[in-house]
Amino acid sequence: MATQIRAEHELHRRRLSRNVGLGVVLILFVALVYGLTIAKVGTDPNDALGVPGTEASQ
């Protein structure tokens, strides 16, 4: 009775696939939050775009 030891079980492949997918989603979420933060911090609230009715040459 020889039992063959498989190096990788099918369950491990599914778990790895799920982990890679979750990692990609988390990286995209972090990139989105980072981009929104940079856009918000980079906006001067006192410029012509931030305050309606004002001139940029104050």
C-alpha atoms as a PDB file:
ATOM      1  CA  MET A   1       0.000   0.000   0.000  1.00  0.00           C
ATOM      2  CA  ALA A   2       1.971   2.959  -1.303  1.00  0.00           C
ATOM      3  CA  THR A   3       0.520   6.351  -0.529  1.00  0.00           C
ATOM      4  CA  GLN A   4       1.544   9.102  -2.844  1.00  0.00           C
ATOM      5  CA  ILE A   5       2.091  12.472  -1.181  1.00  0.00           C
ATOM      6  CA  ARG A   6       0.935  15.311  -3.361  1.00  0.00           C
ATOM      7  CA  ALA A   7       2.960  18.492  -3.098  1.00  0.00           C
ATOM      8  CA  GLU A   8      -0.059  20.764  -3.434  1.00  0.00           C
ATOM      9  CA  HIS A   9      -3.657  20.003  -2.628  1.00  0.00           C
ATOM     10  CA  GLU A  10      -6.518  21.480  -4.664  1.00  0.00           C
ATOM     11  CA  LEU A  11      -7.693  23.368  -1.575  1.00  0.00           C
ATOM     12  CA  HIS A  12      -4.356  25.162  -1.371  1.00  0.00           C
ATOM     13  CA  ARG A  13      -4.646  26.307  -4.976  1.00  0.00           C
ATOM     14  CA  ARG A  14      -8.123  27.728  -4.363  1.00  0.00           C
ATOM     15  CA  ARG A  15      -6.968  29.458  -1.183  1.00  0.00           C
ATOM     16  CA  LEU A  16      -3.953  30.961  -2.975  1.00  0.00           C
ATOM     17  CA  SER A  17      -6.187  32.202  -5.782  1.00  0.00           C
ATOM     18  CA  ARG A  18      -8.563  33.815  -3.282  1.00  0.00           C
ATOM     19  CA  ASN A  19      -5.667  35.409  -1.386  1.00  0.00           C
ATOM     20  CA  VAL A  20      -4.154  36.846  -4.565  1.00  0.00           C
ATOM     21  CA  GLY A  21      -7.525  38.277  -5.571  1.00  0.00           C
ATOM     22  CA  LEU A  22      -8.028  39.832  -2.152  1.00  0.00           C
ATOM     23  CA  GLY A  23      -4.514  41.277  -2.270  1.00  0.00           C
ATOM     24  CA  VAL A  24      -5.200  42.922  -5.638  1.00  0.00           C
ATOM     25  CA  VAL A  25      -8.466  44.403  -4.327  1.00  0.00           C
ATOM     26  CA  LEU A  26      -6.725  45.767  -1.216  1.00  0.00           C
ATOM     27  CA  ILE A  27      -3.915  47.302  -3.273  1.00  0.00           C
ATOM     28  CA  LEU A  28      -6.450  48.986  -5.567  1.00  0.00           C
ATOM     29  CA  PHE A  29      -8.374  50.298  -2.551  1.00  0.00           C
ATOM     30  CA  VAL A  30      -5.210  51.726  -0.974  1.00  0.00           C
ATOM     31  CA  ALA A  31      -4.258  53.342  -4.301  1.00  0.00           C
ATOM     32  CA  LEU A  32      -7.726  54.891  -4.575  1.00  0.00           C
ATOM     33  CA  VAL A  33      -7.615  56.303  -1.031  1.00  0.00           C
ATOM     34  CA  TYR A  34      -4.070  57.578  -1.599  1.00  0.00           C
ATOM     35  CA  GLY A  35      -5.072  59.258  -4.868  1.00  0.00           C
ATOM     36  CA  LEU A  36      -8.117  60.893  -3.315  1.00  0.00           C
ATOM     37  CA  THR A  37      -6.023  62.083  -0.376  1.00  0.00           C
ATOM     38  CA  ILE A  38      -3.402  63.618  -2.660  1.00  0.00           C
ATOM     39  CA  ALA A  39      -6.129  65.315  -4.712  1.00  0.00           C
ATOM     40  CA  LYS A  40      -7.786  66.725  -1.594  1.00  0.00           C
ATOM     41  CA  VAL A  41      -4.568  67.833   0.130  1.00  0.00           C
ATOM     42  CA  GLY A  42      -3.214  69.271  -3.114  1.00  0.00           C
ATOM     43  CA  THR A  43      -6.247  71.533  -3.542  1.00  0.00           C
ATOM     44  CA  ASP A  44      -5.868  75.029  -2.117  1.00  0.00           C
ATOM     45  CA  PRO A  45      -9.236  75.974  -0.630  1.00  0.00           C
ATOM     46  CA  ASN A  46      -8.487  79.692  -1.189  1.00  0.00           C
ATOM     47  CA  ASP A  47      -7.801  79.554  -4.904  1.00  0.00           C
ATOM     48  CA  ALA A  48     -10.280  80.436  -7.648  1.00  0.00           C
ATOM     49  CA  LEU A  49     -11.530  76.851  -7.831  1.00  0.00           C
ATOM     50  CA  GLY A  50     -12.059  76.515  -4.076  1.00  0.00           C
ATOM     51  CA  VAL A  51     -13.980  79.709  -3.350  1.00  0.00           C
ATOM     52  CA  PRO A  52     -16.664  80.789  -5.812  1.00  0.00           C
ATOM     53  CA  GLY A  53     -16.590  84.414  -6.905  1.00  0.00           C
ATOM     54  CA  THR A  54     -12.909  85.076  -6.066  1.00  0.00           C
ATOM     55  CA  GLU A  55     -10.021  85.857  -8.347  1.00  0.00           C
ATOM     56  CA  ALA A  56      -6.842  83.773  -8.450  1.00  0.00           C
ATOM     57  CA  SER A  57      -4.644  86.932  -8.377  1.00  0.00           C
ATOM     58  CA  GLN A  58      -5.280  88.011  -4.786  1.00  0.00           C
END
